[in-house]
Structure formats: structure tokens, C-alpha cells
Amino acid sequence: LLGYSSRQIADKVNQLGYRSRKGNPFKTDRVL
């Protein structure tokens, strides 16, 4: 909602330490 792209969102949530169910960093396709 702030206008971040899916790539920027993935980078940000990864920097915050969030991970997928399997413990992997988020990628753009998962964010979308």
C-alpha cells in the first residue's frame, strides 16, 4: 500500500527476519 514493488517487499521482510514455512527467504513470486 505504500507503493513498494514485490522485490522491495521481499527484501524488506527478509531483512526483518521473516521466512517462509520451509525457512527460506521470501522471493518475489511468493510475495505476489
PDB file of all heavy atoms in Angstrom:
ATOM      1  N   LEU A   1       0.815  -1.213   0.000  1.00  0.00           N
ATOM      2  CA  LEU A   1       0.000   0.000   0.000  1.00  0.00           C
ATOM      3  C   LEU A   1       0.852   1.267   0.000  1.00  0.00           C
ATOM      4  O   LEU A   1       0.394   2.320  -0.438  1.00  0.00           O
ATOM      5  CB  LEU A   1      -0.944   0.000   1.201  1.00  0.00           C
ATOM      6  CG  LEU A   1      -2.067  -1.037   1.141  1.00  0.00           C
ATOM      7  CD1 LEU A   1      -2.836  -1.068   2.450  1.00  0.00           C
ATOM      8  CD2 LEU A   1      -2.997  -0.772  -0.032  1.00  0.00           C
ATOM      9  N   LEU A   2       2.077   1.142   0.480  1.00  0.00           N
ATOM     10  CA  LEU A   2       2.998   2.280   0.452  1.00  0.00           C
ATOM     11  C   LEU A   2       3.698   2.419  -0.903  1.00  0.00           C
ATOM     12  O   LEU A   2       4.491   3.339  -1.105  1.00  0.00           O
ATOM     13  CB  LEU A   2       4.047   2.141   1.560  1.00  0.00           C
ATOM     14  CG  LEU A   2       3.532   2.321   2.987  1.00  0.00           C
ATOM     15  CD1 LEU A   2       4.616   1.975   4.002  1.00  0.00           C
ATOM     16  CD2 LEU A   2       3.046   3.749   3.193  1.00  0.00           C
ATOM     17  N   GLY A   3       3.425   1.488  -1.818  1.00  0.00           N
ATOM     18  CA  GLY A   3       3.978   1.576  -3.161  1.00  0.00           C
ATOM     19  C   GLY A   3       5.237   0.771  -3.411  1.00  0.00           C
ATOM     20  O   GLY A   3       5.869   0.923  -4.450  1.00  0.00           O
ATOM     21  N   TYR A   4       5.604  -0.094  -2.486  1.00  0.00           N
ATOM     22  CA  TYR A   4       6.789  -0.933  -2.670  1.00  0.00           C
ATOM     23  C   TYR A   4       6.519  -1.976  -3.751  1.00  0.00           C
ATOM     24  O   TYR A   4       5.413  -2.486  -3.866  1.00  0.00           O
ATOM     25  CB  TYR A   4       7.147  -1.667  -1.378  1.00  0.00           C
ATOM     26  CG  TYR A   4       7.838  -0.821  -0.330  1.00  0.00           C
ATOM     27  CD1 TYR A   4       7.181   0.227   0.306  1.00  0.00           C
ATOM     28  CD2 TYR A   4       9.144  -1.091   0.044  1.00  0.00           C
ATOM     29  CE1 TYR A   4       7.804   0.995   1.271  1.00  0.00           C
ATOM     30  CE2 TYR A   4       9.783  -0.328   1.018  1.00  0.00           C
ATOM     31  CZ  TYR A   4       9.103   0.706   1.626  1.00  0.00           C
ATOM     32  OH  TYR A   4       9.731   1.452   2.573  1.00  0.00           O
ATOM     33  N   SER A   5       7.536  -2.321  -4.511  1.00  0.00           N
ATOM     34  CA  SER A   5       7.420  -3.394  -5.504  1.00  0.00           C
ATOM     35  C   SER A   5       7.541  -4.734  -4.784  1.00  0.00           C
ATOM     36  O   SER A   5       7.963  -4.801  -3.622  1.00  0.00           O
ATOM     37  CB  SER A   5       8.530  -3.272  -6.550  1.00  0.00           C
ATOM     38  OG  SER A   5       9.788  -3.594  -5.972  1.00  0.00           O
ATOM     39  N   SER A   6       7.178  -5.806  -5.477  1.00  0.00           N
ATOM     40  CA  SER A   6       7.272  -7.131  -4.860  1.00  0.00           C
ATOM     41  C   SER A   6       8.720  -7.458  -4.490  1.00  0.00           C
ATOM     42  O   SER A   6       8.978  -8.096  -3.472  1.00  0.00           O
ATOM     43  CB  SER A   6       6.683  -8.204  -5.773  1.00  0.00           C
ATOM     44  OG  SER A   6       7.326  -8.193  -7.022  1.00  0.00           O
ATOM     45  N   ARG A   7       9.662  -7.004  -5.291  1.00  0.00           N
ATOM     46  CA  ARG A   7      11.083  -7.223  -4.988  1.00  0.00           C
ATOM     47  C   ARG A   7      11.482  -6.486  -3.712  1.00  0.00           C
ATOM     48  O   ARG A   7      12.171  -7.023  -2.852  1.00  0.00           O
ATOM     49  CB  ARG A   7      11.935  -6.736  -6.176  1.00  0.00           C
ATOM     50  CG  ARG A   7      13.435  -6.767  -5.927  1.00  0.00           C
ATOM     51  CD  ARG A   7      14.036  -8.139  -6.109  1.00  0.00           C
ATOM     52  NE  ARG A   7      14.165  -8.794  -4.821  1.00  0.00           N
ATOM     53  CZ  ARG A   7      14.279 -10.095  -4.618  1.00  0.00           C
ATOM     54  NH1 ARG A   7      14.245 -10.927  -5.607  1.00  0.00           N
ATOM     55  NH2 ARG A   7      14.407 -10.604  -3.432  1.00  0.00           N
ATOM     56  N   GLN A   8      11.035  -5.245  -3.591  1.00  0.00           N
ATOM     57  CA  GLN A   8      11.346  -4.451  -2.407  1.00  0.00           C
ATOM     58  C   GLN A   8      10.678  -5.048  -1.159  1.00  0.00           C
ATOM     59  O   GLN A   8      11.274  -5.055  -0.084  1.00  0.00           O
ATOM     60  CB  GLN A   8      10.878  -3.007  -2.598  1.00  0.00           C
ATOM     61  CG  GLN A   8      11.680  -2.251  -3.632  1.00  0.00           C
ATOM     62  CD  GLN A   8      11.054  -0.912  -3.971  1.00  0.00           C
ATOM     63  OE1 GLN A   8       9.835  -0.798  -4.081  1.00  0.00           O
ATOM     64  NE2 GLN A   8      11.897   0.104  -4.142  1.00  0.00           N
ATOM     65  N   ILE A   9       9.464  -5.548  -1.322  1.00  0.00           N
ATOM     66  CA  ILE A   9       8.759  -6.168  -0.192  1.00  0.00           C
ATOM     67  C   ILE A   9       9.504  -7.418   0.253  1.00  0.00           C
ATOM     68  O   ILE A   9       9.720  -7.628   1.447  1.00  0.00           O
ATOM     69  CB  ILE A   9       7.303  -6.496  -0.560  1.00  0.00           C
ATOM     70  CG1 ILE A   9       6.514  -5.205  -0.804  1.00  0.00           C
ATOM     71  CG2 ILE A   9       6.640  -7.340   0.529  1.00  0.00           C
ATOM     72  CD1 ILE A   9       5.131  -5.418  -1.398  1.00  0.00           C
ATOM     73  N   ALA A  10       9.912  -8.240  -0.708  1.00  0.00           N
ATOM     74  CA  ALA A  10      10.668  -9.456  -0.374  1.00  0.00           C
ATOM     75  C   ALA A  10      11.950  -9.102   0.371  1.00  0.00           C
ATOM     76  O   ALA A  10      12.278  -9.709   1.400  1.00  0.00           O
ATOM     77  CB  ALA A  10      10.986 -10.249  -1.639  1.00  0.00           C
ATOM     78  N   ASP A  11      12.670  -8.113  -0.128  1.00  0.00           N
ATOM     79  CA  ASP A  11      13.910  -7.691   0.527  1.00  0.00           C
ATOM     80  C   ASP A  11      13.654  -7.207   1.955  1.00  0.00           C
ATOM     81  O   ASP A  11      14.380  -7.552   2.881  1.00  0.00           O
ATOM     82  CB  ASP A  11      14.604  -6.587  -0.273  1.00  0.00           C
ATOM     83  CG  ASP A  11      15.189  -7.085  -1.588  1.00  0.00           C
ATOM     84  OD1 ASP A  11      15.363  -8.315  -1.742  1.00  0.00           O
ATOM     85  OD2 ASP A  11      15.455  -6.231  -2.467  1.00  0.00           O
ATOM     86  N   LYS A  12      12.601  -6.417   2.118  1.00  0.00           N
ATOM     87  CA  LYS A  12      12.293  -5.841   3.431  1.00  0.00           C
ATOM     88  C   LYS A  12      11.902  -6.918   4.442  1.00  0.00           C
ATOM     89  O   LYS A  12      12.406  -6.927   5.567  1.00  0.00           O
ATOM     90  CB  LYS A  12      11.168  -4.809   3.284  1.00  0.00           C
ATOM     91  CG  LYS A  12      10.861  -4.069   4.549  1.00  0.00           C
ATOM     92  CD  LYS A  12      12.001  -3.156   4.934  1.00  0.00           C
ATOM     93  CE  LYS A  12      11.604  -2.275   6.105  1.00  0.00           C
ATOM     94  NZ  LYS A  12      12.722  -1.477   6.580  1.00  0.00           N
ATOM     95  N   VAL A  13      10.991  -7.827   4.060  1.00  0.00           N
ATOM     96  CA  VAL A  13      10.578  -8.855   5.025  1.00  0.00           C
ATOM     97  C   VAL A  13      11.732  -9.811   5.345  1.00  0.00           C
ATOM     98  O   VAL A  13      11.839 -10.309   6.464  1.00  0.00           O
ATOM     99  CB  VAL A  13       9.300  -9.627   4.591  1.00  0.00           C
ATOM    100  CG1 VAL A  13       8.103  -8.712   4.544  1.00  0.00           C
ATOM    101  CG2 VAL A  13       9.485 -10.353   3.289  1.00  0.00           C
ATOM    102  N   ASN A  14      12.596 -10.032   4.378  1.00  0.00           N
ATOM    103  CA  ASN A  14      13.781 -10.855   4.643  1.00  0.00           C
ATOM    104  C   ASN A  14      14.728 -10.154   5.612  1.00  0.00           C
ATOM    105  O   ASN A  14      15.292 -10.784   6.508  1.00  0.00           O
ATOM    106  CB  ASN A  14      14.501 -11.208   3.342  1.00  0.00           C
ATOM    107  CG  ASN A  14      13.715 -12.189   2.502  1.00  0.00           C
ATOM    108  OD1 ASN A  14      12.961 -13.009   3.026  1.00  0.00           O
ATOM    109  ND2 ASN A  14      13.862 -12.101   1.205  1.00  0.00           N
ATOM    110  N   GLN A  15      14.888  -8.839   5.455  1.00  0.00           N
ATOM    111  CA  GLN A  15      15.728  -8.069   6.377  1.00  0.00           C
ATOM    112  C   GLN A  15      15.166  -8.092   7.794  1.00  0.00           C
ATOM    113  O   GLN A  15      15.918  -8.059   8.765  1.00  0.00           O
ATOM    114  CB  GLN A  15      15.841  -6.615   5.917  1.00  0.00           C
ATOM    115  CG  GLN A  15      16.703  -6.403   4.708  1.00  0.00           C
ATOM    116  CD  GLN A  15      16.630  -4.968   4.196  1.00  0.00           C
ATOM    117  OE1 GLN A  15      15.912  -4.131   4.740  1.00  0.00           O
ATOM    118  NE2 GLN A  15      17.375  -4.695   3.134  1.00  0.00           N
ATOM    119  N   LEU A  16      13.842  -8.137   7.887  1.00  0.00           N
ATOM    120  CA  LEU A  16      13.192  -8.189   9.202  1.00  0.00           C
ATOM    121  C   LEU A  16      13.259  -9.581   9.835  1.00  0.00           C
ATOM    122  O   LEU A  16      12.828  -9.766  10.966  1.00  0.00           O
ATOM    123  CB  LEU A  16      11.730  -7.740   9.076  1.00  0.00           C
ATOM    124  CG  LEU A  16      11.530  -6.270   8.715  1.00  0.00           C
ATOM    125  CD1 LEU A  16      10.062  -5.993   8.418  1.00  0.00           C
ATOM    126  CD2 LEU A  16      12.037  -5.376   9.835  1.00  0.00           C
ATOM    127  N   GLY A  17      13.788 -10.541   9.087  1.00  0.00           N
ATOM    128  CA  GLY A  17      13.978 -11.883   9.628  1.00  0.00           C
ATOM    129  C   GLY A  17      12.830 -12.843   9.385  1.00  0.00           C
ATOM    130  O   GLY A  17      12.836 -13.964   9.874  1.00  0.00           O
ATOM    131  N   TYR A  18      11.831 -12.427   8.607  1.00  0.00           N
ATOM    132  CA  TYR A  18      10.713 -13.325   8.302  1.00  0.00           C
ATOM    133  C   TYR A  18      11.153 -14.362   7.282  1.00  0.00           C
ATOM    134  O   TYR A  18      11.957 -14.078   6.398  1.00  0.00           O
ATOM    135  CB  TYR A  18       9.525 -12.544   7.745  1.00  0.00           C
ATOM    136  CG  TYR A  18       8.897 -11.590   8.733  1.00  0.00           C
ATOM    137  CD1 TYR A  18       8.715 -10.250   8.405  1.00  0.00           C
ATOM    138  CD2 TYR A  18       8.476 -12.016   9.984  1.00  0.00           C
ATOM    139  CE1 TYR A  18       8.133  -9.366   9.294  1.00  0.00           C
ATOM    140  CE2 TYR A  18       7.890 -11.134  10.875  1.00  0.00           C
ATOM    141  CZ  TYR A  18       7.715  -9.826  10.530  1.00  0.00           C
ATOM    142  OH  TYR A  18       7.136  -8.960  11.408  1.00  0.00           O
ATOM    143  N   ARG A  19      10.608 -15.569   7.409  1.00  0.00           N
ATOM    144  CA  ARG A  19      10.936 -16.653   6.495  1.00  0.00           C
ATOM    145  C   ARG A  19       9.663 -17.401   6.102  1.00  0.00           C
ATOM    146  O   ARG A  19       8.647 -17.325   6.777  1.00  0.00           O
ATOM    147  CB  ARG A  19      11.923 -17.648   7.138  1.00  0.00           C
ATOM    148  CG  ARG A  19      13.291 -17.047   7.439  1.00  0.00           C
ATOM    149  CD  ARG A  19      14.029 -16.742   6.140  1.00  0.00           C
ATOM    150  NE  ARG A  19      15.350 -16.161   6.362  1.00  0.00           N
ATOM    151  CZ  ARG A  19      15.636 -14.878   6.218  1.00  0.00           C
ATOM    152  NH1 ARG A  19      14.710 -14.014   5.899  1.00  0.00           N
ATOM    153  NH2 ARG A  19      16.856 -14.436   6.396  1.00  0.00           N
ATOM    154  N   SER A  20       9.748 -18.158   5.010  1.00  0.00           N
ATOM    155  CA  SER A  20       8.616 -18.955   4.546  1.00  0.00           C
ATOM    156  C   SER A  20       8.417 -20.150   5.482  1.00  0.00           C
ATOM    157  O   SER A  20       9.197 -20.365   6.410  1.00  0.00           O
ATOM    158  CB  SER A  20       8.872 -19.446   3.123  1.00  0.00           C
ATOM    159  OG  SER A  20       9.887 -20.428   3.121  1.00  0.00           O
ATOM    160  N   ARG A  21       7.384 -20.930   5.208  1.00  0.00           N
ATOM    161  CA  ARG A  21       7.114 -22.128   6.024  1.00  0.00           C
ATOM    162  C   ARG A  21       8.329 -23.038   6.132  1.00  0.00           C
ATOM    163  O   ARG A  21       8.573 -23.640   7.161  1.00  0.00           O
ATOM    164  CB  ARG A  21       6.009 -22.971   5.370  1.00  0.00           C
ATOM    165  CG  ARG A  21       4.650 -22.511   5.600  1.00  0.00           C
ATOM    166  CD  ARG A  21       3.689 -23.509   4.991  1.00  0.00           C
ATOM    167  NE  ARG A  21       2.502 -22.788   4.580  1.00  0.00           N
ATOM    168  CZ  ARG A  21       1.712 -23.155   3.621  1.00  0.00           C
ATOM    169  NH1 ARG A  21       1.965 -24.239   2.934  1.00  0.00           N
ATOM    170  NH2 ARG A  21       0.657 -22.452   3.328  1.00  0.00           N
ATOM    171  N   LYS A  22       9.049 -23.155   5.034  1.00  0.00           N
ATOM    172  CA  LYS A  22      10.199 -24.056   4.996  1.00  0.00           C
ATOM    173  C   LYS A  22      11.479 -23.400   5.496  1.00  0.00           C
ATOM    174  O   LYS A  22      12.545 -23.993   5.453  1.00  0.00           O
ATOM    175  CB  LYS A  22      10.403 -24.564   3.576  1.00  0.00           C
ATOM    176  CG  LYS A  22       9.242 -25.423   3.097  1.00  0.00           C
ATOM    177  CD  LYS A  22       9.470 -25.918   1.694  1.00  0.00           C
ATOM    178  CE  LYS A  22       8.303 -26.747   1.239  1.00  0.00           C
ATOM    179  NZ  LYS A  22       8.476 -27.257  -0.127  1.00  0.00           N
ATOM    180  N   GLY A  23      11.367 -22.155   5.957  1.00  0.00           N
ATOM    181  CA  GLY A  23      12.531 -21.466   6.498  1.00  0.00           C
ATOM    182  C   GLY A  23      13.368 -20.746   5.465  1.00  0.00           C
ATOM    183  O   GLY A  23      14.464 -20.288   5.768  1.00  0.00           O
ATOM    184  N   ASN A  24      12.850 -20.640   4.253  1.00  0.00           N
ATOM    185  CA  ASN A  24      13.584 -19.970   3.175  1.00  0.00           C
ATOM    186  C   ASN A  24      13.241 -18.484   3.131  1.00  0.00           C
ATOM    187  O   ASN A  24      12.139 -18.089   3.506  1.00  0.00           O
ATOM    188  CB  ASN A  24      13.226 -20.603   1.825  1.00  0.00           C
ATOM    189  CG  ASN A  24      13.609 -22.063   1.767  1.00  0.00           C
ATOM    190  OD1 ASN A  24      14.634 -22.472   2.295  1.00  0.00           O
ATOM    191  ND2 ASN A  24      12.774 -22.865   1.138  1.00  0.00           N
ATOM    192  N   PRO A  25      14.163 -17.680   2.612  1.00  0.00           N
ATOM    193  CA  PRO A  25      13.852 -16.262   2.423  1.00  0.00           C
ATOM    194  C   PRO A  25      12.727 -16.112   1.395  1.00  0.00           C
ATOM    195  O   PRO A  25      12.559 -16.947   0.513  1.00  0.00           O
ATOM    196  CB  PRO A  25      15.150 -15.672   1.877  1.00  0.00           C
ATOM    197  CG  PRO A  25      16.207 -16.665   2.167  1.00  0.00           C
ATOM    198  CD  PRO A  25      15.540 -17.995   2.251  1.00  0.00           C
ATOM    199  N   PHE A  26      11.973 -15.027   1.510  1.00  0.00           N
ATOM    200  CA  PHE A  26      10.888 -14.767   0.564  1.00  0.00           C
ATOM    201  C   PHE A  26      11.450 -14.299  -0.762  1.00  0.00           C
ATOM    202  O   PHE A  26      12.442 -13.575  -0.816  1.00  0.00           O
ATOM    203  CB  PHE A  26       9.935 -13.711   1.117  1.00  0.00           C
ATOM    204  CG  PHE A  26       8.986 -14.262   2.125  1.00  0.00           C
ATOM    205  CD1 PHE A  26       9.264 -14.178   3.469  1.00  0.00           C
ATOM    206  CD2 PHE A  26       7.811 -14.875   1.731  1.00  0.00           C
ATOM    207  CE1 PHE A  26       8.399 -14.697   4.413  1.00  0.00           C
ATOM    208  CE2 PHE A  26       6.938 -15.398   2.656  1.00  0.00           C
ATOM    209  CZ  PHE A  26       7.219 -15.308   4.001  1.00  0.00           C
ATOM    210  N   LYS A  27      10.794 -14.712  -1.839  1.00  0.00           N
ATOM    211  CA  LYS A  27      11.129 -14.277  -3.186  1.00  0.00           C
ATOM    212  C   LYS A  27       9.923 -13.532  -3.739  1.00  0.00           C
ATOM    213  O   LYS A  27       8.825 -13.600  -3.191  1.00  0.00           O
ATOM    214  CB  LYS A  27      11.455 -15.475  -4.072  1.00  0.00           C
ATOM    215  CG  LYS A  27      12.694 -16.225  -3.611  1.00  0.00           C
ATOM    216  CD  LYS A  27      13.000 -17.372  -4.537  1.00  0.00           C
ATOM    217  CE  LYS A  27      14.231 -18.115  -4.042  1.00  0.00           C
ATOM    218  NZ  LYS A  27      14.549 -19.259  -4.884  1.00  0.00           N
ATOM    219  N   THR A  28      10.117 -12.846  -4.841  1.00  0.00           N
ATOM    220  CA  THR A  28       9.042 -12.022  -5.404  1.00  0.00           C
ATOM    221  C   THR A  28       7.797 -12.825  -5.744  1.00  0.00           C
ATOM    222  O   THR A  28       6.683 -12.363  -5.502  1.00  0.00           O
ATOM    223  CB  THR A  28       9.509 -11.273  -6.660  1.00  0.00           C
ATOM    224  OG1 THR A  28      10.162 -12.184  -7.533  1.00  0.00           O
ATOM    225  CG2 THR A  28      10.445 -10.159  -6.321  1.00  0.00           C
ATOM    226  N   ASP A  29       7.950 -14.023  -6.286  1.00  0.00           N
ATOM    227  CA  ASP A  29       6.771 -14.808  -6.655  1.00  0.00           C
ATOM    228  C   ASP A  29       5.946 -15.193  -5.436  1.00  0.00           C
ATOM    229  O   ASP A  29       4.711 -15.210  -5.477  1.00  0.00           O
ATOM    230  CB  ASP A  29       7.152 -16.034  -7.475  1.00  0.00           C
ATOM    231  CG  ASP A  29       8.085 -16.992  -6.751  1.00  0.00           C
ATOM    232  OD1 ASP A  29       8.812 -16.545  -5.837  1.00  0.00           O
ATOM    233  OD2 ASP A  29       8.105 -18.181  -7.108  1.00  0.00           O
ATOM    234  N   ARG A  30       6.597 -15.450  -4.338  1.00  0.00           N
ATOM    235  CA  ARG A  30       5.870 -15.793  -3.104  1.00  0.00           C
ATOM    236  C   ARG A  30       5.132 -14.566  -2.555  1.00  0.00           C
ATOM    237  O   ARG A  30       4.006 -14.670  -2.086  1.00  0.00           O
ATOM    238  CB  ARG A  30       6.841 -16.350  -2.063  1.00  0.00           C
ATOM    239  CG  ARG A  30       6.187 -16.807  -0.810  1.00  0.00           C
ATOM    240  CD  ARG A  30       5.320 -18.029  -1.086  1.00  0.00           C
ATOM    241  NE  ARG A  30       4.733 -18.466   0.163  1.00  0.00           N
ATOM    242  CZ  ARG A  30       3.504 -18.911   0.268  1.00  0.00           C
ATOM    243  NH1 ARG A  30       2.746 -19.021  -0.786  1.00  0.00           N
ATOM    244  NH2 ARG A  30       3.031 -19.284   1.421  1.00  0.00           N
ATOM    245  N   VAL A  31       5.783 -13.411  -2.620  1.00  0.00           N
ATOM    246  CA  VAL A  31       5.146 -12.171  -2.172  1.00  0.00           C
ATOM    247  C   VAL A  31       3.903 -11.899  -3.015  1.00  0.00           C
ATOM    248  O   VAL A  31       2.829 -11.597  -2.484  1.00  0.00           O
ATOM    249  CB  VAL A  31       6.127 -10.977  -2.252  1.00  0.00           C
ATOM    250  CG1 VAL A  31       5.401  -9.664  -2.020  1.00  0.00           C
ATOM    251  CG2 VAL A  31       7.252 -11.147  -1.244  1.00  0.00           C
ATOM    252  N   LEU A  32       4.019 -12.031  -4.327  1.00  0.00           N
ATOM    253  CA  LEU A  32       2.873 -11.810  -5.210  1.00  0.00           C
ATOM    254  C   LEU A  32       1.753 -12.809  -4.916  1.00  0.00           C
ATOM    255  O   LEU A  32       0.578 -12.456  -4.939  1.00  0.00           O
ATOM    256  CB  LEU A  32       3.298 -11.908  -6.676  1.00  0.00           C
ATOM    257  CG  LEU A  32       4.141 -10.757  -7.192  1.00  0.00           C
ATOM    258  CD1 LEU A  32       4.650 -11.048  -8.606  1.00  0.00           C
ATOM    259  CD2 LEU A  32       3.367  -9.460  -7.168  1.00  0.00           C
TER     260      LEU A  32
END
